[in-house]
Amino acid sequence: MATMTRNDVWTHITSALGELLAERGEDAGPLGPTTSLGGNLGVSSVEAIHLLITLEDRVGVPLSFQDVAVRDGEYVRDLALGDLQDFICRTIGAA
């Protein structure tokens, strides 16, 4: 498999989010690194887990919900798409 880039990861995130929101009959609209899953997009914790599983399939490596959702021993209240991209890139070693 070819090495995935940050742009590839971003494309996977936005595509998976678009599909998740389309299932709810919603349009993601413009997405950027500061767009938050909960605050801006209304993604529930169950949907966030589903999103992470979808992204695991697309990038081909396990992604730990615990590792992305916990900081300093506490669950984060919301997650920006840029933080999700950074997490996936670190996990897969994306350039």
Protein backbone atom coordinates (compact mmCIF):
# COMPACT_ATOMS: atom_id res chain seq x y z
CA MET A 1 0.00 0.00 0.00
CA ALA A 2 1.28 3.48 -0.85
CA THR A 3 2.06 5.84 1.98
CA MET A 4 -0.92 7.98 2.87
CA THR A 5 -0.53 11.77 3.05
CA ARG A 6 -2.22 14.28 5.36
CA ASN A 7 -4.41 15.27 2.42
CA ASP A 8 -5.44 11.63 1.93
CA VAL A 9 -6.38 11.43 5.61
CA TRP A 10 -8.39 14.66 5.33
CA THR A 11 -10.23 13.28 2.31
CA HIS A 12 -11.12 10.12 4.24
CA ILE A 13 -12.37 12.15 7.21
CA THR A 14 -14.54 14.49 5.16
CA SER A 15 -15.90 11.66 2.99
CA ALA A 16 -16.82 9.52 6.01
CA LEU A 17 -18.40 12.51 7.76
CA GLY A 18 -20.37 13.38 4.65
CA GLU A 19 -21.74 9.84 4.53
CA LEU A 20 -22.58 9.84 8.25
CA LEU A 21 -24.44 13.14 7.99
CA ALA A 22 -26.19 12.10 4.77
CA GLU A 23 -27.64 9.13 6.68
CA ARG A 24 -29.27 11.75 8.94
CA GLY A 25 -30.46 13.72 5.93
CA GLU A 26 -27.97 16.52 6.59
CA ASP A 27 -25.24 18.18 4.56
CA ALA A 28 -21.84 18.67 6.18
CA GLY A 29 -21.35 22.05 4.54
CA PRO A 30 -17.86 23.52 4.54
CA LEU A 31 -15.46 21.63 6.81
CA GLY A 32 -12.17 22.87 8.19
CA PRO A 33 -9.62 21.91 10.83
CA THR A 34 -11.49 23.83 13.55
CA THR A 35 -14.89 22.29 12.74
CA SER A 36 -15.90 20.28 15.80
CA LEU A 37 -17.69 16.96 15.67
CA GLY A 38 -20.16 17.72 18.43
CA GLY A 39 -20.46 21.48 18.58
CA ASN A 40 -20.58 22.21 14.86
CA LEU A 41 -21.85 18.96 13.37
CA GLY A 42 -23.95 17.51 16.19
CA VAL A 43 -22.16 14.14 16.04
CA SER A 44 -23.07 12.00 19.06
CA SER A 45 -20.56 9.83 20.88
CA VAL A 46 -22.06 6.72 19.26
CA GLU A 47 -21.74 8.35 15.82
CA ALA A 48 -18.15 9.35 16.64
CA ILE A 49 -17.32 5.71 17.38
CA HIS A 50 -18.99 4.67 14.11
CA LEU A 51 -16.94 7.34 12.31
CA LEU A 52 -13.72 6.04 13.85
CA ILE A 53 -14.55 2.46 12.80
CA THR A 54 -15.25 3.68 9.26
CA LEU A 55 -11.92 5.52 9.25
CA GLU A 56 -10.12 2.41 10.53
CA ASP A 57 -11.42 0.53 7.51
CA ARG A 58 -10.33 3.28 5.15
CA VAL A 59 -6.81 3.79 6.51
CA GLY A 60 -6.24 0.11 7.21
CA VAL A 61 -5.05 0.34 10.83
CA PRO A 62 -6.78 0.17 14.22
CA LEU A 63 -7.61 3.58 15.70
CA SER A 64 -8.08 3.69 19.46
CA PHE A 65 -11.09 5.74 20.52
CA GLN A 66 -9.50 5.94 23.96
CA ASP A 67 -6.34 7.50 22.52
CA VAL A 68 -8.20 10.17 20.56
CA ALA A 69 -10.93 10.92 23.10
CA VAL A 70 -8.93 11.10 26.34
CA ARG A 71 -6.46 13.85 27.24
CA ASP A 72 -4.75 14.15 30.58
CA GLY A 73 -6.92 11.35 31.95
CA GLU A 74 -10.24 12.99 31.05
CA TYR A 75 -12.59 12.63 28.10
CA VAL A 76 -12.53 15.58 25.74
CA ARG A 77 -15.88 17.31 25.40
CA ASP A 78 -15.51 17.80 21.67
CA LEU A 79 -13.02 17.03 18.94
CA ALA A 80 -11.94 19.31 16.12
CA LEU A 81 -11.43 17.72 12.72
CA GLY A 82 -7.83 18.96 12.66
CA ASP A 83 -7.17 17.10 15.92
CA LEU A 84 -8.70 13.96 14.42
CA GLN A 85 -6.53 14.36 11.33
CA ASP A 86 -3.40 14.84 13.47
CA PHE A 87 -4.26 11.75 15.53
CA ILE A 88 -4.77 9.55 12.45
CA CYS A 89 -1.61 10.88 10.79
CA ARG A 90 0.44 10.11 13.91
CA THR A 91 -1.11 6.66 14.16
CA ILE A 92 -0.42 5.67 10.55
CA GLY A 93 2.79 7.65 10.08
CA ALA A 94 1.33 9.82 7.31
CA ALA A 95 3.57 12.38 5.68
